[in-house]
Protein backbone atom coordinates (compact mmCIF):
# COMPACT_ATOMS: atom_id res chain seq x y z
CA MET A 1 108.08 114.34 89.24
CA LEU A 2 106.75 117.54 88.09
CA ASP A 3 108.89 121.09 88.50
CA ALA A 4 105.60 122.44 89.92
CA ILE A 5 102.08 121.87 90.66
CA ILE A 6 99.85 124.95 90.72
CA VAL A 7 96.45 124.72 92.54
CA GLY A 8 94.12 127.02 91.09
CA GLY A 9 93.71 127.91 87.27
CA SER A 10 92.38 131.46 87.45
CA TYR A 11 94.26 134.37 86.86
CA ALA A 12 97.03 134.19 89.25
CA GLY A 13 97.67 130.85 88.62
CA MET A 14 97.77 130.86 84.93
CA SER A 15 100.02 133.67 85.02
CA ALA A 16 102.68 131.66 87.47
CA ALA A 17 102.46 128.89 85.04
CA LEU A 18 103.29 130.62 82.16
CA GLN A 19 106.58 131.97 83.50
CA LEU A 20 107.47 128.27 84.01
CA ALA A 21 106.44 127.32 80.68
CA ARG A 22 108.56 129.94 79.11
CA ALA A 23 111.51 128.16 81.38
CA ARG A 24 110.52 125.21 79.90
CA ARG A 25 109.71 123.77 83.43
CA SER A 26 107.10 120.85 83.58
CA VAL A 27 104.06 122.36 85.10
CA THR A 28 100.07 121.02 85.91
CA ILE A 29 97.82 123.37 87.05
CA LEU A 30 94.51 121.92 89.06
CA ASP A 31 91.46 123.57 88.98
CA ASP A 32 88.07 123.03 89.31
CA GLY A 33 86.53 126.03 87.46
CA GLN A 34 85.43 128.41 90.31
CA ARG A 35 86.84 131.67 89.86
CA ARG A 36 85.96 134.35 92.30
CA ASN A 37 84.68 136.91 89.84
CA ARG A 38 82.15 134.19 87.95
CA PHE A 39 79.15 136.20 88.68
CA ALA A 40 80.40 139.46 87.05
CA SER A 41 79.62 140.12 83.57
CA ALA A 42 82.51 142.35 82.45
CA ALA A 43 85.87 143.01 84.16
CA HIS A 44 87.31 146.35 84.48
CA GLY A 45 90.38 148.16 85.49
CA LEU A 46 92.37 145.49 83.58
CA LEU A 47 94.55 147.46 80.75
CA GLY A 48 93.90 146.16 77.34
CA GLN A 49 91.09 144.03 78.57
CA ASP A 50 88.96 146.66 80.17
CA GLY A 51 84.80 145.46 79.64
CA ARG A 52 85.41 142.38 78.46
CA SER A 53 84.14 139.00 80.02
CA PRO A 54 86.08 137.53 82.80
CA GLY A 55 85.25 134.23 81.64
CA ASP A 56 86.20 134.80 77.74
CA ILE A 57 89.55 136.43 79.11
CA ALA A 58 90.17 133.04 81.13
CA LYS A 59 89.32 131.06 78.47
CA ASP A 60 91.94 132.86 76.04
CA ALA A 61 94.48 132.73 78.67
CA ARG A 62 94.34 128.88 78.72
CA THR A 63 94.11 128.56 75.29
CA GLN A 64 97.41 130.40 75.00
CA LEU A 65 99.21 128.66 78.28
CA LEU A 66 98.32 125.19 76.59
CA ARG A 67 100.04 125.87 73.68
CA TYR A 68 103.48 125.15 75.56
CA PRO A 69 104.03 121.39 75.55
CA THR A 70 105.00 121.16 79.32
CA VAL A 71 102.04 122.65 80.45
CA SER A 72 98.95 120.40 81.74
CA TRP A 73 95.74 121.04 82.82
CA HIS A 74 93.33 118.63 85.36
CA ASP A 75 89.80 119.49 85.77
CA ALA A 76 89.89 118.41 89.30
CA ARG A 77 89.75 120.06 92.94
CA ALA A 78 92.69 119.42 94.77
CA VAL A 79 91.58 118.09 98.57
CA HIS A 80 94.75 117.11 100.21
CA ALA A 81 98.71 117.88 100.00
CA GLU A 82 101.45 116.95 102.10
CA ARG A 83 105.35 117.17 101.69
CA THR A 84 107.38 114.28 100.67
CA GLU A 85 110.86 113.77 100.72
CA ASP A 86 111.31 115.30 96.90
CA GLY A 87 108.89 117.47 97.23
CA PHE A 88 105.04 117.48 97.34
CA SER A 89 102.23 115.03 96.63
CA VAL A 90 98.66 116.77 96.09
CA GLN A 91 95.57 114.28 96.12
CA THR A 92 92.76 115.41 93.65
CA SER A 93 88.92 115.18 93.74
CA ASP A 94 89.03 112.20 91.01
CA GLY A 95 91.19 110.48 93.19
CA GLN A 96 94.60 110.91 91.57
CA MET A 97 98.14 111.67 93.36
CA ILE A 98 100.28 114.02 91.55
CA ALA A 99 103.66 114.80 92.64
CA GLY A 100 106.11 117.98 92.15
CA ARG A 101 109.23 119.64 93.38
CA ARG A 102 107.11 122.97 94.06
CA LEU A 103 103.35 123.80 94.99
CA VAL A 104 102.12 127.07 94.14
CA LEU A 105 98.84 128.07 95.72
CA ALA A 106 96.62 130.04 93.67
CA THR A 107 93.29 128.71 95.06
CA GLY A 108 91.39 132.24 95.37
CA VAL A 109 89.15 133.16 98.37
CA VAL A 110 85.31 132.69 99.00
CA ASP A 111 83.37 136.14 100.18
CA GLY A 112 81.39 136.38 103.52
CA LEU A 113 78.51 138.32 103.20
CA PRO A 114 76.07 139.57 105.74
CA SER A 115 73.37 137.43 106.38
CA VAL A 116 70.61 139.89 104.71
CA PRO A 117 68.41 138.41 102.33
CA GLY A 118 68.96 139.33 98.63
CA LEU A 119 72.87 139.95 98.89
CA VAL A 120 74.19 136.54 97.54
CA GLU A 121 71.69 136.68 94.48
CA ARG A 122 73.16 140.06 93.63
CA TRP A 123 76.63 139.69 94.31
CA GLY A 124 78.58 140.59 91.60
CA ARG A 125 75.55 141.84 89.54
CA SER A 126 74.51 144.99 91.54
CA VAL A 127 76.11 144.21 94.88
CA PHE A 128 79.97 144.55 95.10
CA HIS A 129 82.82 144.99 96.91
CA CYS A 130 84.99 147.06 94.82
CA PRO A 131 84.36 150.66 93.30
CA TYR A 132 87.30 150.65 91.07
CA CYS A 133 86.08 147.44 89.61
CA HIS A 134 82.61 148.26 89.46
CA GLY A 135 81.64 152.13 90.29
CA TYR A 136 82.09 153.94 86.62
CA GLU A 137 79.51 151.47 85.34
CA LEU A 138 76.96 152.86 88.01
CA ASP A 139 76.96 156.15 86.28
CA GLU A 140 76.85 158.23 89.12
CA GLY A 141 73.77 156.83 90.58
CA PRO A 142 72.63 156.51 93.97
CA LEU A 143 74.92 154.18 95.62
CA GLY A 144 74.79 152.19 99.05
CA VAL A 145 77.46 150.99 101.60
CA LEU A 146 76.23 148.12 103.98
CA ALA A 147 78.23 148.40 107.02
CA VAL A 148 79.92 144.91 108.07
CA GLY A 149 82.30 146.49 110.99
CA ASP A 150 84.77 149.50 111.15
CA ILE A 151 85.97 148.97 107.85
CA SER A 152 82.72 150.03 106.05
CA PHE A 153 83.36 153.73 107.68
CA HIS A 154 86.37 154.04 105.39
CA GLN A 155 84.28 152.38 102.25
CA ALA A 156 81.40 154.85 103.21
CA GLN A 157 83.78 157.84 102.67
CA LEU A 158 85.49 156.40 99.33
CA ILE A 159 82.04 155.63 97.73
CA PRO A 160 80.91 158.87 97.11
CA GLU A 161 83.38 159.52 94.40
CA TRP A 162 80.93 157.44 92.04
CA GLY A 163 77.77 158.76 93.27
CA PRO A 164 75.56 160.20 96.09
CA THR A 165 76.06 157.63 98.96
CA THR A 166 73.52 156.15 101.81
CA PHE A 167 75.65 154.59 104.25
CA PHE A 168 73.40 152.01 106.06
CA THR A 169 75.30 151.55 109.42
CA ASN A 170 72.82 148.33 110.44
CA GLY A 171 73.73 148.04 113.94
CA VAL A 172 76.80 146.88 113.56
CA ILE A 173 78.44 150.12 113.84
CA ALA A 174 78.14 153.14 115.95
CA LEU A 175 79.50 156.39 114.38
CA ASN A 176 80.86 158.73 117.21
CA ASP A 177 80.57 162.60 116.08
CA ASP A 178 83.76 162.97 114.54
CA GLN A 179 82.92 160.21 111.84
CA ALA A 180 79.51 161.41 111.12
CA ARG A 181 80.94 164.60 110.86
CA GLU A 182 83.38 163.35 108.40
CA LEU A 183 80.78 161.34 106.40
CA SER A 184 78.55 164.61 106.38
CA ALA A 185 81.36 166.32 104.72
CA ARG A 186 81.68 164.05 101.99
CA GLY A 187 77.97 164.17 101.07
CA VAL A 188 77.03 160.63 102.86
CA THR A 189 73.36 160.08 103.94
CA ILE A 190 73.72 157.81 107.26
CA GLU A 191 70.61 155.58 107.33
CA ARG A 192 70.62 154.19 111.26
CA GLU A 193 67.50 151.78 110.42
CA LEU A 194 68.13 147.77 110.27
CA VAL A 195 68.04 146.56 106.70
CA ARG A 196 65.36 143.67 106.29
CA GLU A 197 66.60 142.49 102.76
CA VAL A 198 67.91 143.78 99.43
CA SER A 199 65.56 143.36 96.41
CA GLY A 200 64.14 144.56 93.27
CA GLU A 201 66.33 144.42 89.92
CA ARG A 202 69.14 146.59 91.15
CA ALA A 203 69.45 146.87 94.75
CA SER A 204 66.47 147.72 96.60
CA VAL A 205 67.14 147.99 100.21
CA GLU A 206 64.04 147.56 102.14
CA LEU A 207 64.24 148.64 106.13
CA VAL A 208 62.55 147.26 108.88
CA ASP A 209 60.41 150.40 109.16
CA GLY A 210 58.99 149.64 105.85
CA ARG A 211 60.58 152.17 103.76
CA VAL A 212 62.66 150.97 100.57
CA ILE A 213 65.80 152.80 99.32
CA ASP A 214 66.54 152.46 95.52
CA LEU A 215 69.90 152.12 94.37
CA ALA A 216 72.38 151.75 91.38
CA GLY A 217 74.47 149.53 93.33
CA LEU A 218 75.28 148.31 96.79
CA PHE A 219 78.54 147.80 98.09
CA VAL A 220 79.61 145.36 100.98
CA ALA A 221 83.22 144.69 102.45
CA SER A 222 83.37 141.25 102.06
CA ARG A 223 85.18 139.19 104.59
CA VAL A 224 87.36 136.85 102.68
CA SER A 225 89.01 133.38 103.62
CA PRO A 226 91.00 130.70 101.54
CA ALA A 227 88.84 128.70 99.28
CA SER A 228 91.13 125.76 99.79
CA PRO A 229 92.18 124.21 103.02
CA LEU A 230 95.62 123.11 101.60
CA ALA A 231 97.79 126.04 103.41
CA THR A 232 96.43 124.74 106.71
CA GLN A 233 97.39 121.50 105.98
CA LEU A 234 100.68 122.27 104.95
CA GLU A 235 100.29 124.59 108.01
CA CYS A 236 101.67 127.92 106.15
CA GLU A 237 101.78 130.69 108.43
CA MET A 238 98.46 132.74 108.00
CA MET A 239 97.79 136.47 108.07
CA GLU A 240 94.45 138.30 109.52
CA SER A 241 93.35 141.64 108.54
CA PRO A 242 90.22 143.76 108.27
CA MET A 243 89.57 141.56 105.10
CA GLY A 244 89.90 138.45 106.50
CA THR A 245 92.27 135.93 106.14
CA SER A 246 95.17 134.92 103.58
CA ILE A 247 98.37 133.44 103.35
CA GLN A 248 101.33 135.27 104.39
CA THR A 249 104.04 135.52 101.98
CA HIS A 250 107.12 137.75 101.96
CA GLY A 251 108.71 139.58 98.96
CA VAL A 252 108.81 136.69 96.42
CA MET A 253 105.71 135.18 97.00
CA GLU A 254 107.01 132.38 99.06
CA THR A 255 105.24 131.05 102.15
CA SER A 256 106.44 129.94 105.63
CA VAL A 257 106.48 126.35 104.16
CA ALA A 258 109.86 126.17 101.84
CA GLY A 259 108.61 125.30 98.48
CA VAL A 260 105.45 126.58 98.75
CA PHE A 261 104.54 129.82 97.10
CA ALA A 262 101.08 131.85 96.98
CA CYS A 263 99.80 134.14 95.16
CA GLY A 264 96.66 136.16 93.84
CA ASP A 265 93.47 137.24 96.02
CA VAL A 266 94.58 134.19 98.58
CA ALA A 267 97.82 135.58 99.23
CA ARG A 268 96.84 139.61 99.55
CA PRO A 269 94.25 141.30 101.81
CA VAL A 270 92.84 143.21 98.77
CA GLY A 271 93.05 142.04 95.13
CA ASN A 272 91.81 142.40 91.81
CA LEU A 273 92.71 140.95 88.17
CA ALA A 274 95.28 143.12 87.47
CA LEU A 275 97.16 142.22 90.71
CA ALA A 276 96.40 138.83 90.65
CA ILE A 277 98.14 138.52 87.42
CA ALA A 278 101.01 140.27 88.44
CA ASP A 279 101.62 137.85 91.73
CA GLY A 280 101.20 134.88 89.26
CA ASN A 281 103.92 136.54 87.53
CA MET A 282 106.27 137.18 90.35
CA ALA A 283 105.43 133.90 91.92
CA GLY A 284 106.23 131.90 88.73
CA ALA A 285 109.78 133.32 88.38
CA ALA A 286 110.43 133.14 92.15
CA VAL A 287 109.45 129.03 91.58
CA HIS A 288 111.87 128.91 88.81
CA ARG A 289 114.46 130.61 90.36
CA SER A 290 114.27 128.68 93.75
CA LEU A 291 114.61 125.42 91.35
CA ILE A 292 117.84 126.33 90.10
CA PHE A 293 119.21 127.81 93.08
CA ASP A 294 117.80 126.31 96.34
């Protein structure tokens, strides 16, 4: 039996595995290769790696991790997990059953976008959710915020730091007078006409009245949900926020189910690459301590 099974081989999962490997614990990573940031050409805001391809960062991390003899990698999706007498059993998409004393859920999330034609095709390229990750490279060009709900008002207040901003309310948010004044004070143009689609090489917003507003980038607050059903299968407590659904953890990344830990985007309402690595570091160390003391 392994000391730990890590479900998800992106940045958080590999970071957790690294701590366990350096404690000479046996660990396997289950991964189907679907990183959340696979659509982005460059990762930003990660100290020492700023501007690198996120795929290259992940590839280097995997190479370094697999130099540890107690680490193994399984290219498959985890489809089911359950508690056993000695720990946990995970079934993979290729029909294998893997047993471990501890389980780490680093499964990542799925971004839910409004049903506006053209958004999905531009996601991570000219349609973004995080200005800290992508705003600087837009060179202070014209930007937009597409409303998905009340949280978009806060986003519209933030984005002008990176360029002149138009807020497309798109019929999903009714601004009161105070909100309109606050946006005006930030230099935000409020556009109340409905959006028909997003088109063009970058992000041209086509309105139902026929007008087209060309942008360098469009920001949307995606609504996240876990990319795997394992937390639900194990009856982990979940957390709801304006950003979506995530796994509830306490200070050392342990879930409400003893022996199950969670880290990365699936365990926080808002995340990025740097935070995912930090969460994984904490989760891996916490798993190791639990193997000693619990």
